């Protein structure tokens, strides 16, 4: 898993991102994910960012399509992070009103 800490900043550096900031962020996300897996799932599994989509992001979205990396990160947030964050927010309340009985 340690290789991602060094490879991820190099790949995302091609997209124009600050490599030292990406390095620190990758370390923090890996630590946070691993700690949460240990505390909540009680499993000794280490988690870190995956390698597949960062290459797609850097080489296709930023370089080939010509979008700024900030726009790409916004699309990633609105496409995945936001729905995951609000997934269970009003669903139980709405389900009770839609299906009486």
C-alpha atoms as a PDB file:
ATOM      1  CA  UNK A   1       0.000   0.000   0.000  1.00  0.00           C
ATOM      2  CA  UNK A   2       2.915   2.345   0.555  1.00  0.00           C
ATOM      3  CA  UNK A   3       3.570   2.704  -3.175  1.00  0.00           C
ATOM      4  CA  UNK A   4       0.392   4.766  -3.614  1.00  0.00           C
ATOM      5  CA  UNK A   5       1.831   7.428  -1.300  1.00  0.00           C
ATOM      6  CA  UNK A   6       4.659   8.038  -3.773  1.00  0.00           C
ATOM      7  CA  UNK A   7       2.951   7.276  -7.098  1.00  0.00           C
ATOM      8  CA  UNK A   8      -0.277   9.223  -6.558  1.00  0.00           C
ATOM      9  CA  UNK A   9       1.466  12.638  -6.250  1.00  0.00           C
ATOM     10  CA  UNK A  10       3.475  11.963  -9.409  1.00  0.00           C
ATOM     11  CA  UNK A  11       0.380  11.103 -11.449  1.00  0.00           C
ATOM     12  CA  UNK A  12      -1.711  13.982 -10.125  1.00  0.00           C
ATOM     13  CA  UNK A  13       1.262  16.320 -10.512  1.00  0.00           C
ATOM     14  CA  UNK A  14       0.863  15.841 -14.266  1.00  0.00           C
ATOM     15  CA  UNK A  15      -2.588  17.404 -13.880  1.00  0.00           C
ATOM     16  CA  UNK A  16      -1.044  20.485 -12.270  1.00  0.00           C
ATOM     17  CA  UNK A  17      -1.739  19.662  -8.644  1.00  0.00           C
ATOM     18  CA  UNK A  18       0.827  20.435  -5.937  1.00  0.00           C
ATOM     19  CA  UNK A  19       2.690  17.155  -5.371  1.00  0.00           C
ATOM     20  CA  UNK A  20       3.528  17.827  -1.718  1.00  0.00           C
ATOM     21  CA  UNK A  21      -0.116  18.609  -0.927  1.00  0.00           C
ATOM     22  CA  UNK A  22      -1.234  15.443  -2.734  1.00  0.00           C
ATOM     23  CA  UNK A  23       1.382  13.446  -0.790  1.00  0.00           C
ATOM     24  CA  UNK A  24       0.114  14.701   2.574  1.00  0.00           C
ATOM     25  CA  UNK A  25      -3.525  14.261   1.571  1.00  0.00           C
ATOM     26  CA  UNK A  26      -2.901  10.699   0.396  1.00  0.00           C
ATOM     27  CA  UNK A  27      -1.243   9.871   3.722  1.00  0.00           C
ATOM     28  CA  UNK A  28      -4.080  11.428   5.725  1.00  0.00           C
ATOM     29  CA  UNK A  29      -6.803   9.666   3.730  1.00  0.00           C
ATOM     30  CA  UNK A  30      -5.013   6.310   4.065  1.00  0.00           C
ATOM     31  CA  UNK A  31      -4.650   6.802   7.817  1.00  0.00           C
ATOM     32  CA  UNK A  32      -8.275   7.924   8.239  1.00  0.00           C
ATOM     33  CA  UNK A  33      -9.673   5.028   6.191  1.00  0.00           C
ATOM     34  CA  UNK A  34      -7.542   2.459   7.988  1.00  0.00           C
ATOM     35  CA  UNK A  35      -8.462   3.801  11.428  1.00  0.00           C
ATOM     36  CA  UNK A  36     -12.177   3.849  10.570  1.00  0.00           C
ATOM     37  CA  UNK A  37     -11.965   0.283   9.249  1.00  0.00           C
ATOM     38  CA  UNK A  38     -10.354  -0.810  12.501  1.00  0.00           C
ATOM     39  CA  UNK A  39     -12.743   1.046  14.780  1.00  0.00           C
ATOM     40  CA  UNK A  40     -16.081   0.466  13.080  1.00  0.00           C
ATOM     41  CA  UNK A  41     -15.640  -2.813  11.197  1.00  0.00           C
ATOM     42  CA  UNK A  42     -13.125  -4.317  13.641  1.00  0.00           C
ATOM     43  CA  UNK A  43     -11.102  -5.647  10.719  1.00  0.00           C
ATOM     44  CA  UNK A  44      -7.322  -5.373  10.337  1.00  0.00           C
ATOM     45  CA  UNK A  45      -7.525  -3.999   6.781  1.00  0.00           C
ATOM     46  CA  UNK A  46      -5.531  -1.014   5.552  1.00  0.00           C
ATOM     47  CA  UNK A  47      -7.249   1.312   3.084  1.00  0.00           C
ATOM     48  CA  UNK A  48      -5.735   3.828   0.681  1.00  0.00           C
ATOM     49  CA  UNK A  49      -6.792   5.688  -2.476  1.00  0.00           C
ATOM     50  CA  UNK A  50      -6.988   3.522  -5.595  1.00  0.00           C
ATOM     51  CA  UNK A  51      -4.736   3.953  -8.618  1.00  0.00           C
ATOM     52  CA  UNK A  52      -7.193   3.530 -11.488  1.00  0.00           C
ATOM     53  CA  UNK A  53      -9.208   6.707 -11.539  1.00  0.00           C
ATOM     54  CA  UNK A  54      -6.385   9.070 -10.674  1.00  0.00           C
ATOM     55  CA  UNK A  55      -4.669   8.218 -13.965  1.00  0.00           C
ATOM     56  CA  UNK A  56      -7.965   8.677 -15.827  1.00  0.00           C
ATOM     57  CA  UNK A  57      -8.456  11.994 -14.067  1.00  0.00           C
ATOM     58  CA  UNK A  58      -4.947  13.276 -14.837  1.00  0.00           C
ATOM     59  CA  UNK A  59      -4.505  12.065 -18.398  1.00  0.00           C
ATOM     60  CA  UNK A  60      -8.037  12.105 -19.831  1.00  0.00           C
ATOM     61  CA  UNK A  61     -10.065  14.667 -17.897  1.00  0.00           C
ATOM     62  CA  UNK A  62      -7.327  17.253 -17.377  1.00  0.00           C
ATOM     63  CA  UNK A  63      -4.919  16.735 -20.282  1.00  0.00           C
ATOM     64  CA  UNK A  64      -7.050  15.361 -23.115  1.00  0.00           C
ATOM     65  CA  UNK A  65     -10.282  17.223 -22.343  1.00  0.00           C
ATOM     66  CA  UNK A  66      -8.478  20.379 -21.239  1.00  0.00           C
ATOM     67  CA  UNK A  67     -10.458  20.940 -18.042  1.00  0.00           C
ATOM     68  CA  UNK A  68      -8.783  22.515 -15.011  1.00  0.00           C
ATOM     69  CA  UNK A  69      -8.145  20.037 -12.212  1.00  0.00           C
ATOM     70  CA  UNK A  70     -10.422  22.057  -9.908  1.00  0.00           C
ATOM     71  CA  UNK A  71     -13.377  21.447 -12.242  1.00  0.00           C
ATOM     72  CA  UNK A  72     -12.561  17.736 -12.321  1.00  0.00           C
ATOM     73  CA  UNK A  73     -12.459  17.559  -8.534  1.00  0.00           C
ATOM     74  CA  UNK A  74     -15.799  19.344  -8.381  1.00  0.00           C
ATOM     75  CA  UNK A  75     -17.283  16.780 -10.755  1.00  0.00           C
ATOM     76  CA  UNK A  76     -15.908  13.972  -8.586  1.00  0.00           C
ATOM     77  CA  UNK A  77     -17.463  15.549  -5.489  1.00  0.00           C
ATOM     78  CA  UNK A  78     -20.882  16.112  -7.042  1.00  0.00           C
ATOM     79  CA  UNK A  79     -20.834  12.713  -8.731  1.00  0.00           C
ATOM     80  CA  UNK A  80     -19.913  10.594  -5.735  1.00  0.00           C
ATOM     81  CA  UNK A  81     -19.127  12.401  -2.514  1.00  0.00           C
ATOM     82  CA  UNK A  82     -22.298  14.424  -2.197  1.00  0.00           C
ATOM     83  CA  UNK A  83     -24.764  11.547  -2.831  1.00  0.00           C
ATOM     84  CA  UNK A  84     -22.856   9.353  -0.385  1.00  0.00           C
ATOM     85  CA  UNK A  85     -22.982  12.063   2.280  1.00  0.00           C
ATOM     86  CA  UNK A  86     -26.729  12.647   2.051  1.00  0.00           C
ATOM     87  CA  UNK A  87     -27.767   9.083   1.262  1.00  0.00           C
ATOM     88  CA  UNK A  88     -29.849   8.382   4.365  1.00  0.00           C
ATOM     89  CA  UNK A  89     -30.753  11.947   5.295  1.00  0.00           C
ATOM     90  CA  UNK A  90     -34.498  12.211   4.526  1.00  0.00           C
ATOM     91  CA  UNK A  91     -35.225   8.732   3.187  1.00  0.00           C
ATOM     92  CA  UNK A  92     -36.784   7.170   6.266  1.00  0.00           C
ATOM     93  CA  UNK A  93     -39.018  10.172   6.841  1.00  0.00           C
ATOM     94  CA  UNK A  94     -40.150  10.209   3.214  1.00  0.00           C
ATOM     95  CA  UNK A  95     -40.675   6.448   3.093  1.00  0.00           C
ATOM     96  CA  UNK A  96     -43.004   6.582   6.092  1.00  0.00           C
ATOM     97  CA  UNK A  97     -45.139   9.241   4.439  1.00  0.00           C
ATOM     98  CA  UNK A  98     -45.251   7.577   1.028  1.00  0.00           C
ATOM     99  CA  UNK A  99     -46.239   4.141   2.275  1.00  0.00           C
ATOM    100  CA  UNK A 100     -48.790   4.489   5.063  1.00  0.00           C
ATOM    101  CA  UNK A 101     -49.814   1.533   6.992  1.00  0.00           C
END
